[in-house]
C-alpha cells in the first residue's frame, strides 16, 4: 500500500536541489515531483519517506554529518533503521539510527525505483 503526500511545489524541489551537493539516485526526483514523501507498507516492510522540504533539517537533527558524513537520510522504517543516499555513488543504503556510521551502512540498490518496489 502506498500513501502519498501532496506533491511539493517546484520552488520546494528547486530549493532542495540548490542545497544538496551530491547526485541523487535515478528516479528520486521523479518520484518526489508526484508526492512529497509517502508511507509504503508491504507484508514484510514499512517505509516512511520524508517530505523533501524536511529532509535537510532531519539530517541536521540526526547529526548525520557527524556520525555518517558519507550519507544523506531520506526516510526510515519507522523503527531503528534509516534509509540513506551515499553521496559518493548515489546508491541507496540502510543505516542504524543508533550506532550510525559509514561502516555500518548496508547496500540496498542503485536506483530509487528499485527501492520503492
N, C-alpha and C. Protein backbone atom coordinates (compact mmCIF):
# COMPACT_ATOMS: atom_id res chain seq x y z
N UNK A 1 0.85 -1.18 0.00
CA UNK A 1 0.00 0.00 0.00
C UNK A 1 0.89 1.24 0.00
N UNK A 2 0.53 2.20 -0.81
CA UNK A 2 1.29 3.45 -0.92
C UNK A 2 0.38 4.60 -0.54
N UNK A 3 0.75 5.32 0.50
CA UNK A 3 0.02 6.51 0.95
C UNK A 3 0.90 7.71 0.65
N UNK A 4 0.50 8.50 -0.35
CA UNK A 4 1.31 9.63 -0.80
C UNK A 4 0.88 10.92 -0.13
N UNK A 5 1.85 11.81 0.07
CA UNK A 5 1.55 13.18 0.48
C UNK A 5 1.25 14.00 -0.78
N UNK A 6 0.76 15.20 -0.61
CA UNK A 6 0.56 16.09 -1.75
C UNK A 6 1.90 16.44 -2.37
N UNK A 7 1.94 16.59 -3.67
CA UNK A 7 3.18 16.89 -4.39
C UNK A 7 3.78 18.21 -3.90
N UNK A 8 5.11 18.30 -3.85
CA UNK A 8 5.74 19.55 -3.46
C UNK A 8 5.66 20.57 -4.58
N UNK A 9 5.87 21.82 -4.25
CA UNK A 9 5.90 22.85 -5.28
C UNK A 9 7.23 22.78 -6.03
N UNK A 10 7.27 23.36 -7.20
CA UNK A 10 8.54 23.46 -7.94
C UNK A 10 9.57 24.24 -7.13
N UNK A 11 9.12 25.25 -6.38
CA UNK A 11 10.04 26.02 -5.53
C UNK A 11 10.67 25.13 -4.46
N UNK A 12 9.86 24.25 -3.85
CA UNK A 12 10.39 23.33 -2.83
C UNK A 12 11.46 22.42 -3.44
N UNK A 13 11.19 21.88 -4.61
CA UNK A 13 12.15 20.99 -5.27
C UNK A 13 13.41 21.75 -5.65
N UNK A 14 13.24 22.92 -6.25
CA UNK A 14 14.41 23.71 -6.65
C UNK A 14 15.26 24.14 -5.46
N UNK A 15 14.62 24.50 -4.35
CA UNK A 15 15.37 24.88 -3.15
C UNK A 15 16.15 23.68 -2.63
N UNK A 16 15.51 22.52 -2.56
CA UNK A 16 16.20 21.30 -2.11
C UNK A 16 17.41 21.01 -3.00
N UNK A 17 17.22 21.04 -4.31
CA UNK A 17 18.31 20.75 -5.24
C UNK A 17 19.45 21.76 -5.12
N UNK A 18 19.12 23.00 -4.78
CA UNK A 18 20.18 24.01 -4.64
C UNK A 18 20.99 23.82 -3.35
N UNK A 19 20.42 23.12 -2.37
CA UNK A 19 21.09 22.95 -1.08
C UNK A 19 21.94 21.68 -0.99
N UNK A 20 21.65 20.70 -1.81
CA UNK A 20 22.45 19.47 -1.74
C UNK A 20 23.62 19.58 -2.70
N UNK A 21 24.69 18.88 -2.37
CA UNK A 21 25.92 18.93 -3.17
C UNK A 21 26.33 17.53 -3.63
N UNK A 22 25.36 16.73 -4.00
CA UNK A 22 25.62 15.37 -4.46
C UNK A 22 24.53 14.97 -5.46
N UNK A 23 24.81 13.91 -6.19
CA UNK A 23 23.89 13.40 -7.21
C UNK A 23 22.88 12.46 -6.56
N UNK A 24 21.62 12.61 -6.92
CA UNK A 24 20.55 11.77 -6.38
C UNK A 24 20.42 10.48 -7.19
N UNK A 25 19.88 9.43 -6.58
CA UNK A 25 19.68 8.19 -7.34
C UNK A 25 18.68 8.39 -8.46
N UNK A 26 18.85 7.60 -9.50
CA UNK A 26 17.93 7.64 -10.64
C UNK A 26 16.51 7.39 -10.14
N UNK A 27 15.59 8.26 -10.52
CA UNK A 27 14.18 8.13 -10.17
C UNK A 27 13.76 8.87 -8.91
N UNK A 28 14.71 9.41 -8.14
CA UNK A 28 14.38 10.07 -6.88
C UNK A 28 13.52 11.32 -7.11
N UNK A 29 14.01 12.25 -7.89
CA UNK A 29 13.26 13.50 -8.11
C UNK A 29 11.95 13.24 -8.85
N UNK A 30 11.95 12.30 -9.78
CA UNK A 30 10.71 11.97 -10.49
C UNK A 30 9.64 11.51 -9.50
N UNK A 31 10.02 10.68 -8.54
CA UNK A 31 9.08 10.23 -7.51
C UNK A 31 8.59 11.41 -6.68
N UNK A 32 9.52 12.27 -6.27
CA UNK A 32 9.16 13.40 -5.41
C UNK A 32 8.40 14.50 -6.15
N UNK A 33 8.45 14.54 -7.44
CA UNK A 33 7.61 15.50 -8.18
C UNK A 33 6.14 15.13 -8.08
N UNK A 34 5.86 13.84 -7.85
CA UNK A 34 4.48 13.36 -7.73
C UNK A 34 3.98 13.33 -6.30
N UNK A 35 4.89 13.18 -5.36
CA UNK A 35 4.50 13.08 -3.96
C UNK A 35 5.60 13.66 -3.09
N UNK A 36 5.23 14.30 -2.05
CA UNK A 36 6.21 14.90 -1.14
C UNK A 36 6.44 13.94 0.03
N UNK A 37 7.02 12.79 -0.29
CA UNK A 37 7.20 11.75 0.70
C UNK A 37 5.98 10.84 0.72
N UNK A 38 6.09 9.74 1.42
CA UNK A 38 4.98 8.80 1.48
C UNK A 38 5.23 7.75 2.54
N UNK A 39 4.19 7.00 2.83
CA UNK A 39 4.29 5.81 3.67
C UNK A 39 3.99 4.63 2.75
N UNK A 40 4.87 3.64 2.77
CA UNK A 40 4.71 2.47 1.92
C UNK A 40 4.73 1.26 2.85
N UNK A 41 3.70 0.42 2.74
CA UNK A 41 3.70 -0.79 3.57
C UNK A 41 3.46 -2.01 2.69
N UNK A 42 4.20 -3.06 3.01
CA UNK A 42 4.03 -4.36 2.37
C UNK A 42 3.83 -5.37 3.50
N UNK A 43 3.65 -6.62 3.14
CA UNK A 43 3.51 -7.63 4.18
C UNK A 43 4.77 -7.73 5.04
N UNK A 44 5.94 -7.47 4.43
CA UNK A 44 7.20 -7.64 5.13
C UNK A 44 7.80 -6.34 5.66
N UNK A 45 7.48 -5.19 5.06
CA UNK A 45 8.21 -3.97 5.36
C UNK A 45 7.30 -2.75 5.48
N UNK A 46 7.85 -1.73 6.14
CA UNK A 46 7.19 -0.44 6.25
C UNK A 46 8.23 0.64 5.99
N UNK A 47 7.90 1.61 5.13
CA UNK A 47 8.82 2.67 4.76
C UNK A 47 8.15 4.02 4.96
N UNK A 48 8.85 4.93 5.62
CA UNK A 48 8.40 6.32 5.74
C UNK A 48 9.40 7.15 4.95
N UNK A 49 8.97 7.73 3.84
CA UNK A 49 9.83 8.59 3.03
C UNK A 49 9.49 10.03 3.40
N UNK A 50 10.49 10.73 3.90
CA UNK A 50 10.28 12.06 4.44
C UNK A 50 9.94 13.08 3.36
N UNK A 51 9.15 14.11 3.71
CA UNK A 51 8.90 15.20 2.77
C UNK A 51 10.20 15.90 2.37
N UNK A 52 10.28 16.28 1.12
CA UNK A 52 11.51 16.87 0.58
C UNK A 52 11.90 18.16 1.30
N UNK A 53 10.92 18.90 1.78
CA UNK A 53 11.22 20.16 2.47
C UNK A 53 11.58 19.95 3.94
N UNK A 54 11.64 18.70 4.41
CA UNK A 54 12.04 18.40 5.78
C UNK A 54 13.35 17.61 5.86
N UNK A 55 13.81 17.06 4.74
CA UNK A 55 14.98 16.17 4.75
C UNK A 55 16.24 16.82 5.29
N UNK A 56 16.53 18.02 4.86
CA UNK A 56 17.78 18.67 5.27
C UNK A 56 17.76 18.93 6.78
N UNK A 57 16.66 19.39 7.31
CA UNK A 57 16.56 19.63 8.75
C UNK A 57 16.64 18.32 9.52
N UNK A 58 16.00 17.28 9.03
CA UNK A 58 16.06 15.99 9.73
C UNK A 58 17.48 15.43 9.72
N UNK A 59 18.23 15.62 8.65
CA UNK A 59 19.63 15.19 8.62
C UNK A 59 20.44 15.94 9.66
N UNK A 60 20.15 17.23 9.84
CA UNK A 60 20.83 18.00 10.89
C UNK A 60 20.42 17.51 12.27
N UNK A 61 19.12 17.27 12.46
CA UNK A 61 18.63 16.80 13.76
C UNK A 61 19.24 15.46 14.16
N UNK A 62 19.42 14.57 13.19
CA UNK A 62 20.02 13.26 13.45
C UNK A 62 21.55 13.29 13.44
N UNK A 63 22.13 14.47 13.21
CA UNK A 63 23.58 14.67 13.21
C UNK A 63 24.30 13.71 12.26
N UNK A 64 23.72 13.53 11.10
CA UNK A 64 24.27 12.61 10.11
C UNK A 64 25.66 13.05 9.67
N UNK A 65 25.86 14.33 9.50
CA UNK A 65 27.16 14.84 9.06
C UNK A 65 28.27 14.48 10.05
N UNK A 66 27.93 14.37 11.32
CA UNK A 66 28.92 14.00 12.33
C UNK A 66 29.17 12.49 12.37
N UNK A 67 28.10 11.70 12.32
CA UNK A 67 28.22 10.26 12.54
C UNK A 67 28.40 9.44 11.25
N UNK A 68 27.82 9.88 10.16
CA UNK A 68 27.91 9.15 8.88
C UNK A 68 27.97 10.16 7.74
N UNK A 69 29.05 10.94 7.66
CA UNK A 69 29.11 12.06 6.72
C UNK A 69 29.03 11.68 5.24
N UNK A 70 29.23 10.42 4.92
CA UNK A 70 29.14 9.98 3.53
C UNK A 70 27.68 9.86 3.07
N UNK A 71 26.73 9.94 4.01
CA UNK A 71 25.33 9.64 3.70
C UNK A 71 24.39 10.82 3.93
N UNK A 72 23.24 10.74 3.25
CA UNK A 72 22.14 11.69 3.40
C UNK A 72 20.87 10.87 3.60
N UNK A 73 20.20 11.03 4.73
CA UNK A 73 19.00 10.27 5.04
C UNK A 73 17.78 10.84 4.32
N UNK A 74 16.89 9.94 3.90
CA UNK A 74 15.65 10.38 3.26
C UNK A 74 14.42 9.68 3.83
N UNK A 75 14.59 8.81 4.81
CA UNK A 75 13.44 8.14 5.40
C UNK A 75 13.86 7.09 6.39
N UNK A 76 12.86 6.30 6.84
CA UNK A 76 13.13 5.25 7.82
C UNK A 76 12.10 4.14 7.69
N UNK A 77 12.31 3.10 8.50
CA UNK A 77 11.33 2.02 8.55
C UNK A 77 10.35 2.22 9.71
N UNK A 78 10.38 3.39 10.31
CA UNK A 78 9.51 3.67 11.44
C UNK A 78 10.08 3.14 12.75
N UNK A 79 11.25 2.52 12.68
CA UNK A 79 11.90 1.97 13.86
C UNK A 79 13.35 2.43 13.92
N UNK A 80 14.27 1.49 14.00
CA UNK A 80 15.67 1.82 14.20
C UNK A 80 16.51 1.93 12.95
N UNK A 81 15.89 1.84 11.78
CA UNK A 81 16.65 1.84 10.53
C UNK A 81 16.33 3.07 9.68
N UNK A 82 17.39 3.73 9.21
CA UNK A 82 17.25 4.87 8.30
C UNK A 82 17.58 4.43 6.89
N UNK A 83 16.98 5.10 5.91
CA UNK A 83 17.30 4.90 4.51
C UNK A 83 18.12 6.09 4.05
N UNK A 84 19.20 5.82 3.33
CA UNK A 84 20.17 6.86 3.03
C UNK A 84 20.70 6.77 1.62
N UNK A 85 21.13 7.91 1.11
CA UNK A 85 21.80 8.02 -0.17
C UNK A 85 23.29 8.19 0.10
N UNK A 86 24.10 7.37 -0.56
CA UNK A 86 25.55 7.53 -0.49
C UNK A 86 25.90 8.72 -1.37
N UNK A 87 26.47 9.76 -0.78
CA UNK A 87 26.76 10.99 -1.51
C UNK A 87 27.88 10.80 -2.53
N UNK A 88 28.67 9.74 -2.43
CA UNK A 88 29.74 9.48 -3.39
C UNK A 88 29.25 8.72 -4.62
N UNK A 89 28.30 7.78 -4.43
CA UNK A 89 27.86 6.92 -5.53
C UNK A 89 26.41 7.13 -5.94
N UNK A 90 25.61 7.76 -5.11
CA UNK A 90 24.16 7.93 -5.22
C UNK A 90 23.40 6.62 -5.04
N UNK A 91 24.05 5.59 -4.51
CA UNK A 91 23.37 4.33 -4.21
C UNK A 91 22.60 4.46 -2.90
N UNK A 92 21.64 3.57 -2.72
CA UNK A 92 20.78 3.60 -1.54
C UNK A 92 21.23 2.53 -0.55
N UNK A 93 21.31 2.94 0.72
CA UNK A 93 21.76 2.07 1.81
C UNK A 93 20.79 2.14 2.98
N UNK A 94 20.93 1.20 3.90
CA UNK A 94 20.27 1.25 5.20
C UNK A 94 21.34 1.54 6.24
N UNK A 95 20.96 2.34 7.24
CA UNK A 95 21.86 2.65 8.36
C UNK A 95 21.07 2.53 9.66
N UNK A 96 21.70 2.05 10.73
CA UNK A 96 21.01 2.08 12.02
C UNK A 96 21.02 3.51 12.57
N UNK A 97 19.92 3.93 13.17
CA UNK A 97 19.91 5.25 13.81
C UNK A 97 20.86 5.26 15.01
N UNK A 98 20.85 4.17 15.78
CA UNK A 98 21.73 4.08 16.94
C UNK A 98 23.00 3.36 16.49
N UNK A 99 24.12 4.02 16.69
CA UNK A 99 25.38 3.48 16.20
C UNK A 99 25.62 3.83 14.75
N UNK A 100 24.96 4.89 14.27
CA UNK A 100 25.08 5.31 12.88
C UNK A 100 26.54 5.61 12.54
N UNK A 101 27.00 5.01 11.44
CA UNK A 101 28.34 5.29 10.96
C UNK A 101 28.45 4.86 9.50
N UNK A 102 29.44 5.38 8.82
CA UNK A 102 29.67 4.97 7.43
C UNK A 102 29.89 3.46 7.35
N UNK A 103 30.58 2.90 8.34
CA UNK A 103 30.94 1.49 8.33
C UNK A 103 29.74 0.56 8.51
N UNK A 104 28.67 1.05 9.15
CA UNK A 104 27.50 0.20 9.41
C UNK A 104 26.45 0.24 8.31
N UNK A 105 26.73 0.93 7.23
CA UNK A 105 25.78 1.03 6.13
C UNK A 105 25.70 -0.28 5.36
N UNK A 106 24.47 -0.66 4.98
CA UNK A 106 24.25 -1.86 4.18
C UNK A 106 23.61 -1.47 2.86
N UNK A 107 24.24 -1.89 1.76
CA UNK A 107 23.77 -1.57 0.42
C UNK A 107 22.38 -2.16 0.19
N UNK A 108 21.49 -1.35 -0.45
CA UNK A 108 20.16 -1.82 -0.86
C UNK A 108 20.02 -1.91 -2.36
N UNK A 109 20.29 -0.79 -3.07
CA UNK A 109 20.10 -0.78 -4.52
C UNK A 109 20.72 0.48 -5.12
N UNK A 110 20.73 0.56 -6.44
CA UNK A 110 21.32 1.72 -7.11
C UNK A 110 20.28 2.73 -7.56
N UNK A 111 19.08 2.27 -7.88
CA UNK A 111 18.04 3.18 -8.40
C UNK A 111 16.90 3.31 -7.40
N UNK A 112 16.35 4.52 -7.32
CA UNK A 112 15.25 4.77 -6.40
C UNK A 112 14.02 3.95 -6.76
N UNK A 113 13.77 3.78 -8.05
CA UNK A 113 12.61 2.99 -8.48
C UNK A 113 12.70 1.55 -7.98
N UNK A 114 13.90 0.99 -7.90
CA UNK A 114 14.07 -0.35 -7.34
C UNK A 114 13.80 -0.34 -5.83
N UNK A 115 14.19 0.72 -5.18
CA UNK A 115 13.96 0.84 -3.73
C UNK A 115 12.48 0.83 -3.40
N UNK A 116 11.67 1.59 -4.13
CA UNK A 116 10.25 1.69 -3.77
C UNK A 116 9.41 0.51 -4.25
N UNK A 117 10.00 -0.36 -5.06
CA UNK A 117 9.27 -1.58 -5.45
C UNK A 117 9.30 -2.51 -4.29
